[in-house]
């Protein structure tokens, strides 16, 4: 069973945890390898309550931390720290996934 729990960061100083069975972690590894080749990849996994969900992986083309793209990417934290800088979010994972998926299927964005 591809059992995986991904615990997001609540705040910037928190760690992210991925806990999974051998099958779950192997599936995640395979999806990461596929995303490295094809820009996006997904796999259906299960949480310990039996509910399934998709893990979607996106390879970002911009390598530079200070690129405009990364500066305007939605941060992964669930909560903000007092004093965190405000910035304009222009890119978020669902949007990036949709754009890449449509391009791969030969469709244009509306």
PDB file of N, CA and C in Angstrom:
ATOM      1  N   UNK A   1       0.844  -1.177   0.000  1.00  0.00           N
ATOM      2  CA  UNK A   1       0.000   0.000   0.000  1.00  0.00           C
ATOM      3  C   UNK A   1       0.891   1.243   0.000  1.00  0.00           C
ATOM      4  N   UNK A   2       0.545   2.208  -0.844  1.00  0.00           N
ATOM      5  CA  UNK A   2       1.324   3.445  -0.948  1.00  0.00           C
ATOM      6  C   UNK A   2       0.827   4.435   0.109  1.00  0.00           C
ATOM      7  N   UNK A   3       1.239   4.198   1.335  1.00  0.00           N
ATOM      8  CA  UNK A   3       0.804   5.007   2.471  1.00  0.00           C
ATOM      9  C   UNK A   3       1.818   6.120   2.717  1.00  0.00           C
ATOM     10  N   UNK A   4       1.340   7.367   2.654  1.00  0.00           N
ATOM     11  CA  UNK A   4       2.213   8.530   2.873  1.00  0.00           C
ATOM     12  C   UNK A   4       1.446   9.594   3.641  1.00  0.00           C
ATOM     13  N   UNK A   5       2.123  10.182   4.612  1.00  0.00           N
ATOM     14  CA  UNK A   5       1.642  11.395   5.275  1.00  0.00           C
ATOM     15  C   UNK A   5       2.669  12.486   5.002  1.00  0.00           C
ATOM     16  N   UNK A   6       2.211  13.625   4.528  1.00  0.00           N
ATOM     17  CA  UNK A   6       3.076  14.785   4.308  1.00  0.00           C
ATOM     18  C   UNK A   6       2.590  15.876   5.250  1.00  0.00           C
ATOM     19  N   UNK A   7       3.446  16.242   6.178  1.00  0.00           N
ATOM     20  CA  UNK A   7       3.097  17.247   7.183  1.00  0.00           C
ATOM     21  C   UNK A   7       3.733  18.575   6.797  1.00  0.00           C
ATOM     22  N   UNK A   8       2.935  19.559   6.411  1.00  0.00           N
ATOM     23  CA  UNK A   8       3.489  20.835   5.933  1.00  0.00           C
ATOM     24  C   UNK A   8       4.074  21.669   7.070  1.00  0.00           C
ATOM     25  N   UNK A   9       4.839  22.658   6.682  1.00  0.00           N
ATOM     26  CA  UNK A   9       5.389  23.616   7.634  1.00  0.00           C
ATOM     27  C   UNK A   9       4.279  24.569   8.066  1.00  0.00           C
ATOM     28  N   UNK A  10       4.139  24.772   9.350  1.00  0.00           N
ATOM     29  CA  UNK A  10       3.205  25.787   9.819  1.00  0.00           C
ATOM     30  C   UNK A  10       3.827  27.169   9.666  1.00  0.00           C
ATOM     31  N   UNK A  11       5.104  27.262   9.985  1.00  0.00           N
ATOM     32  CA  UNK A  11       5.832  28.527   9.907  1.00  0.00           C
ATOM     33  C   UNK A  11       7.169  28.284   9.232  1.00  0.00           C
ATOM     34  N   UNK A  12       7.807  29.366   8.833  1.00  0.00           N
ATOM     35  CA  UNK A  12       9.049  29.254   8.070  1.00  0.00           C
ATOM     36  C   UNK A  12      10.148  28.502   8.808  1.00  0.00           C
ATOM     37  N   UNK A  13      10.174  28.560  10.125  1.00  0.00           N
ATOM     38  CA  UNK A  13      11.247  27.888  10.864  1.00  0.00           C
ATOM     39  C   UNK A  13      10.929  26.419  11.166  1.00  0.00           C
ATOM     40  N   UNK A  14       9.739  25.967  10.825  1.00  0.00           N
ATOM     41  CA  UNK A  14       9.354  24.572  11.071  1.00  0.00           C
ATOM     42  C   UNK A  14       9.922  23.651  10.002  1.00  0.00           C
ATOM     43  N   UNK A  15      10.092  22.408  10.367  1.00  0.00           N
ATOM     44  CA  UNK A  15      10.520  21.387   9.409  1.00  0.00           C
ATOM     45  C   UNK A  15       9.305  20.795   8.713  1.00  0.00           C
ATOM     46  N   UNK A  16       9.514  20.260   7.537  1.00  0.00           N
ATOM     47  CA  UNK A  16       8.490  19.512   6.816  1.00  0.00           C
ATOM     48  C   UNK A  16       8.819  18.037   7.014  1.00  0.00           C
ATOM     49  N   UNK A  17       7.798  17.237   7.251  1.00  0.00           N
ATOM     50  CA  UNK A  17       8.003  15.803   7.462  1.00  0.00           C
ATOM     51  C   UNK A  17       7.228  15.006   6.417  1.00  0.00           C
ATOM     52  N   UNK A  18       7.882  13.994   5.882  1.00  0.00           N
ATOM     53  CA  UNK A  18       7.236  13.019   5.009  1.00  0.00           C
ATOM     54  C   UNK A  18       7.432  11.662   5.665  1.00  0.00           C
ATOM     55  N   UNK A  19       6.331  10.999   5.976  1.00  0.00           N
ATOM     56  CA  UNK A  19       6.373   9.694   6.624  1.00  0.00           C
ATOM     57  C   UNK A  19       5.631   8.724   5.715  1.00  0.00           C
ATOM     58  N   UNK A  20       6.246   7.610   5.388  1.00  0.00           N
ATOM     59  CA  UNK A  20       5.574   6.677   4.504  1.00  0.00           C
ATOM     60  C   UNK A  20       6.108   5.267   4.608  1.00  0.00           C
ATOM     61  N   UNK A  21       5.333   4.358   4.073  1.00  0.00           N
ATOM     62  CA  UNK A  21       5.766   2.965   3.971  1.00  0.00           C
ATOM     63  C   UNK A  21       6.793   2.849   2.848  1.00  0.00           C
ATOM     64  N   UNK A  22       7.415   1.703   2.746  1.00  0.00           N
ATOM     65  CA  UNK A  22       8.369   1.474   1.664  1.00  0.00           C
ATOM     66  C   UNK A  22       7.704   1.699   0.307  1.00  0.00           C
ATOM     67  N   UNK A  23       6.495   1.166   0.122  1.00  0.00           N
ATOM     68  CA  UNK A  23       5.787   1.337  -1.152  1.00  0.00           C
ATOM     69  C   UNK A  23       5.440   2.805  -1.385  1.00  0.00           C
ATOM     70  N   UNK A  24       5.019   3.499  -0.347  1.00  0.00           N
ATOM     71  CA  UNK A  24       4.667   4.906  -0.482  1.00  0.00           C
ATOM     72  C   UNK A  24       5.856   5.766  -0.849  1.00  0.00           C
ATOM     73  N   UNK A  25       6.974   5.572  -0.159  1.00  0.00           N
ATOM     74  CA  UNK A  25       8.165   6.361  -0.444  1.00  0.00           C
ATOM     75  C   UNK A  25       8.755   6.016  -1.806  1.00  0.00           C
ATOM     76  N   UNK A  26       8.657   4.748  -2.199  1.00  0.00           N
ATOM     77  CA  UNK A  26       9.127   4.348  -3.525  1.00  0.00           C
ATOM     78  C   UNK A  26       8.280   5.011  -4.608  1.00  0.00           C
ATOM     79  N   UNK A  27       6.968   5.085  -4.405  1.00  0.00           N
ATOM     80  CA  UNK A  27       6.083   5.754  -5.368  1.00  0.00           C
ATOM     81  C   UNK A  27       6.414   7.237  -5.449  1.00  0.00           C
ATOM     82  N   UNK A  28       6.674   7.855  -4.308  1.00  0.00           N
ATOM     83  CA  UNK A  28       7.043   9.277  -4.292  1.00  0.00           C
ATOM     84  C   UNK A  28       8.356   9.491  -5.031  1.00  0.00           C
ATOM     85  N   UNK A  29       9.319   8.643  -4.792  1.00  0.00           N
ATOM     86  CA  UNK A  29      10.614   8.710  -5.476  1.00  0.00           C
ATOM     87  C   UNK A  29      10.432   8.579  -6.995  1.00  0.00           C
ATOM     88  N   UNK A  30       9.613   7.627  -7.412  1.00  0.00           N
ATOM     89  CA  UNK A  30       9.365   7.431  -8.848  1.00  0.00           C
ATOM     90  C   UNK A  30       8.686   8.658  -9.460  1.00  0.00           C
ATOM     91  N   UNK A  31       7.766   9.257  -8.721  1.00  0.00           N
ATOM     92  CA  UNK A  31       7.089  10.459  -9.225  1.00  0.00           C
ATOM     93  C   UNK A  31       8.067  11.624  -9.344  1.00  0.00           C
ATOM     94  N   UNK A  32       8.979  11.748  -8.392  1.00  0.00           N
ATOM     95  CA  UNK A  32       9.998  12.803  -8.469  1.00  0.00           C
ATOM     96  C   UNK A  32      10.882  12.581  -9.693  1.00  0.00           C
ATOM     97  N   UNK A  33      11.303  11.345  -9.926  1.00  0.00           N
ATOM     98  CA  UNK A  33      12.113  11.052 -11.113  1.00  0.00           C
ATOM     99  C   UNK A  33      11.362  11.391 -12.395  1.00  0.00           C
ATOM    100  N   UNK A  34      10.070  11.069 -12.444  1.00  0.00           N
ATOM    101  CA  UNK A  34       9.260  11.381 -13.632  1.00  0.00           C
ATOM    102  C   UNK A  34       9.147  12.887 -13.830  1.00  0.00           C
ATOM    103  N   UNK A  35       8.958  13.642 -12.749  1.00  0.00           N
ATOM    104  CA  UNK A  35       8.860  15.101 -12.855  1.00  0.00           C
ATOM    105  C   UNK A  35      10.174  15.706 -13.350  1.00  0.00           C
ATOM    106  N   UNK A  36      11.287  15.113 -12.971  1.00  0.00           N
ATOM    107  CA  UNK A  36      12.576  15.599 -13.460  1.00  0.00           C
ATOM    108  C   UNK A  36      12.691  15.444 -14.971  1.00  0.00           C
ATOM    109  N   UNK A  37      12.023  14.461 -15.530  1.00  0.00           N
ATOM    110  CA  UNK A  37      12.040  14.242 -16.978  1.00  0.00           C
ATOM    111  C   UNK A  37      10.919  14.993 -17.691  1.00  0.00           C
ATOM    112  N   UNK A  38       9.721  15.004 -17.110  1.00  0.00           N
ATOM    113  CA  UNK A  38       8.526  15.487 -17.799  1.00  0.00           C
ATOM    114  C   UNK A  38       7.941  16.782 -17.228  1.00  0.00           C
ATOM    115  N   UNK A  39       8.616  17.409 -16.289  1.00  0.00           N
ATOM    116  CA  UNK A  39       8.182  18.658 -15.637  1.00  0.00           C
ATOM    117  C   UNK A  39       7.094  18.467 -14.589  1.00  0.00           C
ATOM    118  N   UNK A  40       6.175  17.534 -14.781  1.00  0.00           N
ATOM    119  CA  UNK A  40       5.139  17.272 -13.783  1.00  0.00           C
ATOM    120  C   UNK A  40       4.937  15.767 -13.642  1.00  0.00           C
ATOM    121  N   UNK A  41       4.473  15.377 -12.476  1.00  0.00           N
ATOM    122  CA  UNK A  41       4.135  13.970 -12.242  1.00  0.00           C
ATOM    123  C   UNK A  41       3.172  13.909 -11.068  1.00  0.00           C
ATOM    124  N   UNK A  42       2.381  12.854 -11.029  1.00  0.00           N
ATOM    125  CA  UNK A  42       1.460  12.659  -9.918  1.00  0.00           C
ATOM    126  C   UNK A  42       1.310  11.170  -9.648  1.00  0.00           C
ATOM    127  N   UNK A  43       0.916  10.884  -8.423  1.00  0.00           N
ATOM    128  CA  UNK A  43       0.617   9.505  -8.057  1.00  0.00           C
ATOM    129  C   UNK A  43      -0.424   9.536  -6.942  1.00  0.00           C
ATOM    130  N   UNK A  44      -1.296   8.567  -6.972  1.00  0.00           N
ATOM    131  CA  UNK A  44      -2.312   8.476  -5.934  1.00  0.00           C
ATOM    132  C   UNK A  44      -1.763   7.655  -4.776  1.00  0.00           C
ATOM    133  N   UNK A  45      -1.875   8.224  -3.588  1.00  0.00           N
ATOM    134  CA  UNK A  45      -1.416   7.555  -2.371  1.00  0.00           C
ATOM    135  C   UNK A  45      -2.563   7.543  -1.374  1.00  0.00           C
ATOM    136  N   UNK A  46      -2.323   6.941  -0.234  1.00  0.00           N
ATOM    137  CA  UNK A  46      -3.377   6.820   0.771  1.00  0.00           C
ATOM    138  C   UNK A  46      -2.843   7.276   2.127  1.00  0.00           C
ATOM    139  N   UNK A  47      -3.701   7.908   2.901  1.00  0.00           N
ATOM    140  CA  UNK A  47      -3.374   8.261   4.288  1.00  0.00           C
ATOM    141  C   UNK A  47      -3.843   7.120   5.189  1.00  0.00           C
ATOM    142  N   UNK A  48      -3.441   7.156   6.436  1.00  0.00           N
ATOM    143  CA  UNK A  48      -3.749   6.045   7.332  1.00  0.00           C
ATOM    144  C   UNK A  48      -5.229   5.932   7.678  1.00  0.00           C
ATOM    145  N   UNK A  49      -6.028   6.952   7.325  1.00  0.00           N
ATOM    146  CA  UNK A  49      -7.475   6.830   7.532  1.00  0.00           C
ATOM    147  C   UNK A  49      -8.166   6.189   6.336  1.00  0.00           C
ATOM    148  N   UNK A  50      -7.363   5.776   5.328  1.00  0.00           N
ATOM    149  CA  UNK A  50      -7.913   5.107   4.156  1.00  0.00           C
ATOM    150  C   UNK A  50      -8.303   6.031   3.024  1.00  0.00           C
ATOM    151  N   UNK A  51      -8.216   7.340   3.230  1.00  0.00           N
ATOM    152  CA  UNK A  51      -8.581   8.289   2.179  1.00  0.00           C
ATOM    153  C   UNK A  51      -7.408   8.463   1.217  1.00  0.00           C
ATOM    154  N   UNK A  52      -7.726   8.445  -0.071  1.00  0.00           N
ATOM    155  CA  UNK A  52      -6.685   8.606  -1.078  1.00  0.00           C
ATOM    156  C   UNK A  52      -6.577  10.073  -1.486  1.00  0.00           C
ATOM    157  N   UNK A  53      -5.401  10.438  -1.952  1.00  0.00           N
ATOM    158  CA  UNK A  53      -5.165  11.782  -2.474  1.00  0.00           C
ATOM    159  C   UNK A  53      -4.033  11.719  -3.477  1.00  0.00           C
ATOM    160  N   UNK A  54      -3.950  12.742  -4.316  1.00  0.00           N
ATOM    161  CA  UNK A  54      -2.879  12.815  -5.303  1.00  0.00           C
ATOM    162  C   UNK A  54      -1.712  13.609  -4.746  1.00  0.00           C
ATOM    163  N   UNK A  55      -0.514  13.092  -4.943  1.00  0.00           N
ATOM    164  CA  UNK A  55       0.702  13.852  -4.713  1.00  0.00           C
ATOM    165  C   UNK A  55       1.110  14.366  -6.086  1.00  0.00           C
ATOM    166  N   UNK A  56       1.169  15.684  -6.222  1.00  0.00           N
ATOM    167  CA  UNK A  56       1.537  16.304  -7.499  1.00  0.00           C
ATOM    168  C   UNK A  56       2.892  16.983  -7.337  1.00  0.00           C
ATOM    169  N   UNK A  57       3.798  16.684  -8.262  1.00  0.00           N
ATOM    170  CA  UNK A  57       5.164  17.196  -8.206  1.00  0.00           C
ATOM    171  C   UNK A  57       5.426  18.004  -9.460  1.00  0.00           C
ATOM    172  N   UNK A  58       5.990  19.188  -9.255  1.00  0.00           N
ATOM    173  CA  UNK A  58       6.280  20.100 -10.360  1.00  0.00           C
ATOM    174  C   UNK A  58       7.768  20.434 -10.334  1.00  0.00           C
ATOM    175  N   UNK A  59       8.418  20.301 -11.481  1.00  0.00           N
ATOM    176  CA  UNK A  59       9.817  20.741 -11.605  1.00  0.00           C
ATOM    177  C   UNK A  59       9.795  22.183 -12.090  1.00  0.00           C
ATOM    178  N   UNK A  60      10.311  23.062 -11.284  1.00  0.00           N
ATOM    179  CA  UNK A  60      10.365  24.480 -11.637  1.00  0.00           C
ATOM    180  C   UNK A  60      11.611  24.737 -12.478  1.00  0.00           C
ATOM    181  N   UNK A  61      11.439  25.460 -13.568  1.00  0.00           N
ATOM    182  CA  UNK A  61      12.544  25.724 -14.495  1.00  0.00           C
ATOM    183  C   UNK A  61      13.524  26.773 -13.973  1.00  0.00           C
ATOM    184  N   UNK A  62      13.023  27.715 -13.193  1.00  0.00           N
ATOM    185  CA  UNK A  62      13.880  28.789 -12.683  1.00  0.00           C
ATOM    186  C   UNK A  62      14.730  28.258 -11.532  1.00  0.00           C
ATOM    187  N   UNK A  63      16.034  28.251 -11.698  1.00  0.00           N
ATOM    188  CA  UNK A  63      16.936  27.717 -10.677  1.00  0.00           C
ATOM    189  C   UNK A  63      17.371  28.770  -9.661  1.00  0.00           C
ATOM    190  N   UNK A  64      17.321  30.047 -10.032  1.00  0.00           N
ATOM    191  CA  UNK A  64      17.858  31.099  -9.188  1.00  0.00           C
ATOM    192  C   UNK A  64      16.865  31.505  -8.113  1.00  0.00           C
ATOM    193  N   UNK A  65      17.304  31.502  -6.866  1.00  0.00           N
ATOM    194  CA  UNK A  65      16.469  31.872  -5.739  1.00  0.00           C
ATOM    195  C   UNK A  65      15.944  33.295  -5.867  1.00  0.00           C
ATOM    196  N   UNK A  66      16.736  34.179  -6.422  1.00  0.00           N
ATOM    197  CA  UNK A  66      16.322  35.577  -6.512  1.00  0.00           C
ATOM    198  C   UNK A  66      15.592  35.922  -7.810  1.00  0.00           C
ATOM    199  N   UNK A  67      15.169  34.906  -8.564  1.00  0.00           N
ATOM    200  CA  UNK A  67      14.404  35.181  -9.788  1.00  0.00           C
ATOM    201  C   UNK A  67      13.026  35.725  -9.416  1.00  0.00           C
ATOM    202  N   UNK A  68      12.453  36.535 -10.304  1.00  0.00           N
ATOM    203  CA  UNK A  68      11.117  37.090 -10.057  1.00  0.00           C
ATOM    204  C   UNK A  68      10.102  35.975  -9.833  1.00  0.00           C
ATOM    205  N   UNK A  69      10.258  34.888 -10.560  1.00  0.00           N
ATOM    206  CA  UNK A  69       9.308  33.779 -10.441  1.00  0.00           C
ATOM    207  C   UNK A  69       9.289  33.235  -9.010  1.00  0.00           C
ATOM    208  N   UNK A  70      10.435  32.934  -8.446  1.00  0.00           N
ATOM    209  CA  UNK A  70      10.494  32.398  -7.085  1.00  0.00           C
ATOM    210  C   UNK A  70      10.077  33.447  -6.061  1.00  0.00           C
ATOM    211  N   UNK A  71      10.412  34.702  -6.304  1.00  0.00           N
ATOM    212  CA  UNK A  71      10.025  35.769  -5.370  1.00  0.00           C
ATOM    213  C   UNK A  71       8.514  35.946  -5.311  1.00  0.00           C
ATOM    214  N   UNK A  72       7.812  35.547  -6.378  1.00  0.00           N
ATOM    215  CA  UNK A  72       6.363  35.723  -6.435  1.00  0.00           C
ATOM    216  C   UNK A  72       5.606  34.404  -6.287  1.00  0.00           C
ATOM    217  N   UNK A  73       6.312  33.354  -5.893  1.00  0.00           N
ATOM    218  CA  UNK A  73       5.699  32.037  -5.686  1.00  0.00           C
ATOM    219  C   UNK A  73       5.063  31.992  -4.298  1.00  0.00           C
ATOM    220  N   UNK A  74       3.901  31.400  -4.222  1.00  0.00           N
ATOM    221  CA  UNK A  74       3.236  31.195  -2.946  1.00  0.00           C
ATOM    222  C   UNK A  74       4.151  30.386  -2.031  1.00  0.00           C
ATOM    223  N   UNK A  75       4.389  30.885  -0.828  1.00  0.00           N
ATOM    224  CA  UNK A  75       5.242  30.166   0.115  1.00  0.00           C
ATOM    225  C   UNK A  75       4.484  28.990   0.719  1.00  0.00           C
ATOM    226  N   UNK A  76       5.199  27.947   1.142  1.00  0.00           N
ATOM    227  CA  UNK A  76       4.528  26.732   1.602  1.00  0.00           C
ATOM    228  C   UNK A  76       4.047  26.756   3.048  1.00  0.00           C
ATOM    229  N   UNK A  77       4.211  27.851   3.760  1.00  0.00           N
ATOM    230  CA  UNK A  77       3.846  27.878   5.172  1.00  0.00           C
ATOM    231  C   UNK A  77       2.350  28.079   5.351  1.00  0.00           C
ATOM    232  N   UNK A  78       1.798  27.422   6.347  1.00  0.00           N
ATOM    233  CA  UNK A  78       0.375  27.556   6.657  1.00  0.00           C
ATOM    234  C   UNK A  78       0.085  28.842   7.418  1.00  0.00           C
ATOM    235  N   UNK A  79       1.037  29.318   8.205  1.00  0.00           N
ATOM    236  CA  UNK A  79       0.862  30.514   9.025  1.00  0.00           C
ATOM    237  C   UNK A  79       2.001  31.486   8.743  1.00  0.00           C
ATOM    238  N   UNK A  80       1.741  32.754   8.989  1.00  0.00           N
ATOM    239  CA  UNK A  80       2.785  33.761   8.818  1.00  0.00           C
ATOM    240  C   UNK A  80       3.386  34.108  10.168  1.00  0.00           C
ATOM    241  N   UNK A  81       4.665  34.397  10.162  1.00  0.00           N
ATOM    242  CA  UNK A  81       5.343  34.882  11.361  1.00  0.00           C
ATOM    243  C   UNK A  81       5.149  36.388  11.463  1.00  0.00           C
ATOM    244  N   UNK A  82       5.081  36.925  12.673  1.00  0.00           N
ATOM    245  CA  UNK A  82       5.043  38.380  12.814  1.00  0.00           C
ATOM    246  C   UNK A  82       6.286  38.983  12.165  1.00  0.00           C
ATOM    247  N   UNK A  83       6.088  40.019  11.397  1.00  0.00           N
ATOM    248  CA  UNK A  83       7.221  40.686  10.754  1.00  0.00           C
ATOM    249  C   UNK A  83       7.609  40.092   9.409  1.00  0.00           C
ATOM    250  N   UNK A  84       6.945  39.013   8.961  1.00  0.00           N
ATOM    251  CA  UNK A  84       7.244  38.478   7.629  1.00  0.00           C
ATOM    252  C   UNK A  84       6.938  39.538   6.582  1.00  0.00           C
ATOM    253  N   UNK A  85       7.785  39.622   5.586  1.00  0.00           N
ATOM    254  CA  UNK A  85       7.593  40.600   4.516  1.00  0.00           C
ATOM    255  C   UNK A  85       6.353  40.253   3.693  1.00  0.00           C
ATOM    256  N   UNK A  86       5.668  41.273   3.274  1.00  0.00           N
ATOM    257  CA  UNK A  86       4.526  41.097   2.370  1.00  0.00           C
ATOM    258  C   UNK A  86       5.051  41.039   0.937  1.00  0.00           C
ATOM    259  N   UNK A  87       4.441  40.241   0.104  1.00  0.00           N
ATOM    260  CA  UNK A  87       4.826  40.179  -1.294  1.00  0.00           C
ATOM    261  C   UNK A  87       3.607  39.772  -2.109  1.00  0.00           C
ATOM    262  N   UNK A  88       3.683  40.079  -3.390  1.00  0.00           N
ATOM    263  CA  UNK A  88       2.575  39.755  -4.279  1.00  0.00           C
ATOM    264  C   UNK A  88       2.727  38.323  -4.778  1.00  0.00           C
ATOM    265  N   UNK A  89       1.740  37.508  -4.505  1.00  0.00           N
ATOM    266  CA  UNK A  89       1.748  36.126  -4.989  1.00  0.00           C
ATOM    267  C   UNK A  89       1.206  36.116  -6.406  1.00  0.00           C
ATOM    268  N   UNK A  90       2.039  35.706  -7.339  1.00  0.00           N
ATOM    269  CA  UNK A  90       1.605  35.606  -8.730  1.00  0.00           C
ATOM    270  C   UNK A  90       1.592  34.171  -9.216  1.00  0.00           C
ATOM    271  N   UNK A  91       2.253  33.283  -8.496  1.00  0.00           N
ATOM    272  CA  UNK A  91       2.337  31.890  -8.912  1.00  0.00           C
ATOM    273  C   UNK A  91       1.993  30.995  -7.722  1.00  0.00           C
ATOM    274  N   UNK A  92       1.134  30.044  -7.964  1.00  0.00           N
ATOM    275  CA  UNK A  92       0.831  29.052  -6.943  1.00  0.00           C
ATOM    276  C   UNK A  92       0.767  27.691  -7.619  1.00  0.00           C
ATOM    277  N   UNK A  93       1.019  26.624  -6.879  1.00  0.00           N
ATOM    278  CA  UNK A  93       1.189  25.306  -7.496  1.00  0.00           C
ATOM    279  C   UNK A  93       0.058  24.861  -8.423  1.00  0.00           C
ATOM    280  N   UNK A  94      -1.198  25.106  -8.064  1.00  0.00           N
ATOM    281  CA  UNK A  94      -2.303  24.664  -8.940  1.00  0.00           C
ATOM    282  C   UNK A  94      -2.240  25.337 -10.305  1.00  0.00           C
ATOM    283  N   UNK A  95      -1.923  26.618 -10.302  1.00  0.00           N
ATOM    284  CA  UNK A  95      -1.815  27.366 -11.559  1.00  0.00           C
ATOM    285  C   UNK A  95      -0.662  26.843 -12.408  1.00  0.00           C
ATOM    286  N   UNK A  96       0.491  26.631 -11.781  1.00  0.00           N
ATOM    287  CA  UNK A  96       1.656  26.128 -12.520  1.00  0.00           C
ATOM    288  C   UNK A  96       1.359  24.746 -13.093  1.00  0.00           C
ATOM    289  N   UNK A  97       0.752  23.871 -12.282  1.00  0.00           N
ATOM    290  CA  UNK A  97       0.402  22.524 -12.735  1.00  0.00           C
ATOM    291  C   UNK A  97      -0.506  22.602 -13.963  1.00  0.00           C
ATOM    292  N   UNK A  98      -1.545  23.433 -13.874  1.00  0.00           N
ATOM    293  CA  UNK A  98      -2.509  23.550 -14.961  1.00  0.00           C
ATOM    294  C   UNK A  98      -1.838  24.032 -16.249  1.00  0.00           C
ATOM    295  N   UNK A  99      -0.979  25.033 -16.134  1.00  0.00           N
ATOM    296  CA  UNK A  99      -0.297  25.562 -17.319  1.00  0.00           C
ATOM    297  C   UNK A  99       0.575  24.513 -17.988  1.00  0.00           C
ATOM    298  N   UNK A 100       1.363  23.792 -17.199  1.00  0.00           N
ATOM    299  CA  UNK A 100       2.235  22.759 -17.765  1.00  0.00           C
ATOM    300  C   UNK A 100       1.405  21.632 -18.364  1.00  0.00           C
ATOM    301  N   UNK A 101       0.369  21.192 -17.653  1.00  0.00           N
ATOM    302  CA  UNK A 101      -0.476  20.101 -18.127  1.00  0.00           C
ATOM    303  C   UNK A 101      -1.148  20.468 -19.447  1.00  0.00           C
ATOM    304  N   UNK A 102      -1.682  21.664 -19.546  1.00  0.00           N
ATOM    305  CA  UNK A 102      -2.320  22.093 -20.787  1.00  0.00           C
ATOM    306  C   UNK A 102      -1.327  22.157 -21.937  1.00  0.00           C
ATOM    307  N   UNK A 103      -0.145  22.674 -21.666  1.00  0.00           N
ATOM    308  CA  UNK A 103       0.880  22.746 -22.725  1.00  0.00           C
ATOM    309  C   UNK A 103       1.273  21.356 -23.193  1.00  0.00           C
ATOM    310  N   UNK A 104       1.402  20.426 -22.256  1.00  0.00           N
ATOM    311  CA  UNK A 104       1.776  19.060 -22.623  1.00  0.00           C
ATOM    312  C   UNK A 104       0.694  18.380 -23.465  1.00  0.00           C
ATOM    313  N   UNK A 105      -0.555  18.764 -23.219  1.00  0.00           N
ATOM    314  CA  UNK A 105      -1.658  18.187 -23.993  1.00  0.00           C
ATOM    315  C   UNK A 105      -1.930  18.991 -25.262  1.00  0.00           C
ATOM    316  N   UNK A 106      -1.107  20.008 -25.527  1.00  0.00           N
ATOM    317  CA  UNK A 106      -1.235  20.783 -26.751  1.00  0.00           C
ATOM    318  C   UNK A 106      -2.388  21.766 -26.748  1.00  0.00           C
ATOM    319  N   UNK A 107      -2.853  22.143 -25.568  1.00  0.00           N
ATOM    320  CA  UNK A 107      -3.951  23.097 -25.471  1.00  0.00           C
ATOM    321  C   UNK A 107      -3.405  24.449 -25.042  1.00  0.00           C
ATOM    322  N   UNK A 108      -4.098  25.489 -25.457  1.00  0.00           N
ATOM    323  CA  UNK A 108      -3.686  26.848 -25.096  1.00  0.00           C
ATOM    324  C   UNK A 108      -4.418  27.303 -23.855  1.00  0.00           C
ATOM    325  N   UNK A 109      -3.751  28.177 -23.110  1.00  0.00           N
ATOM    326  CA  UNK A 109      -4.370  28.767 -21.937  1.00  0.00           C
ATOM    327  C   UNK A 109      -5.410  29.781 -22.357  1.00  0.00           C
ATOM    328  N   UNK A 110      -6.480  29.869 -21.585  1.00  0.00           N
ATOM    329  CA  UNK A 110      -7.540  30.833 -21.899  1.00  0.00           C
ATOM    330  C   UNK A 110      -7.251  32.154 -21.247  1.00  0.00           C
TER     331      UNK A 110
END
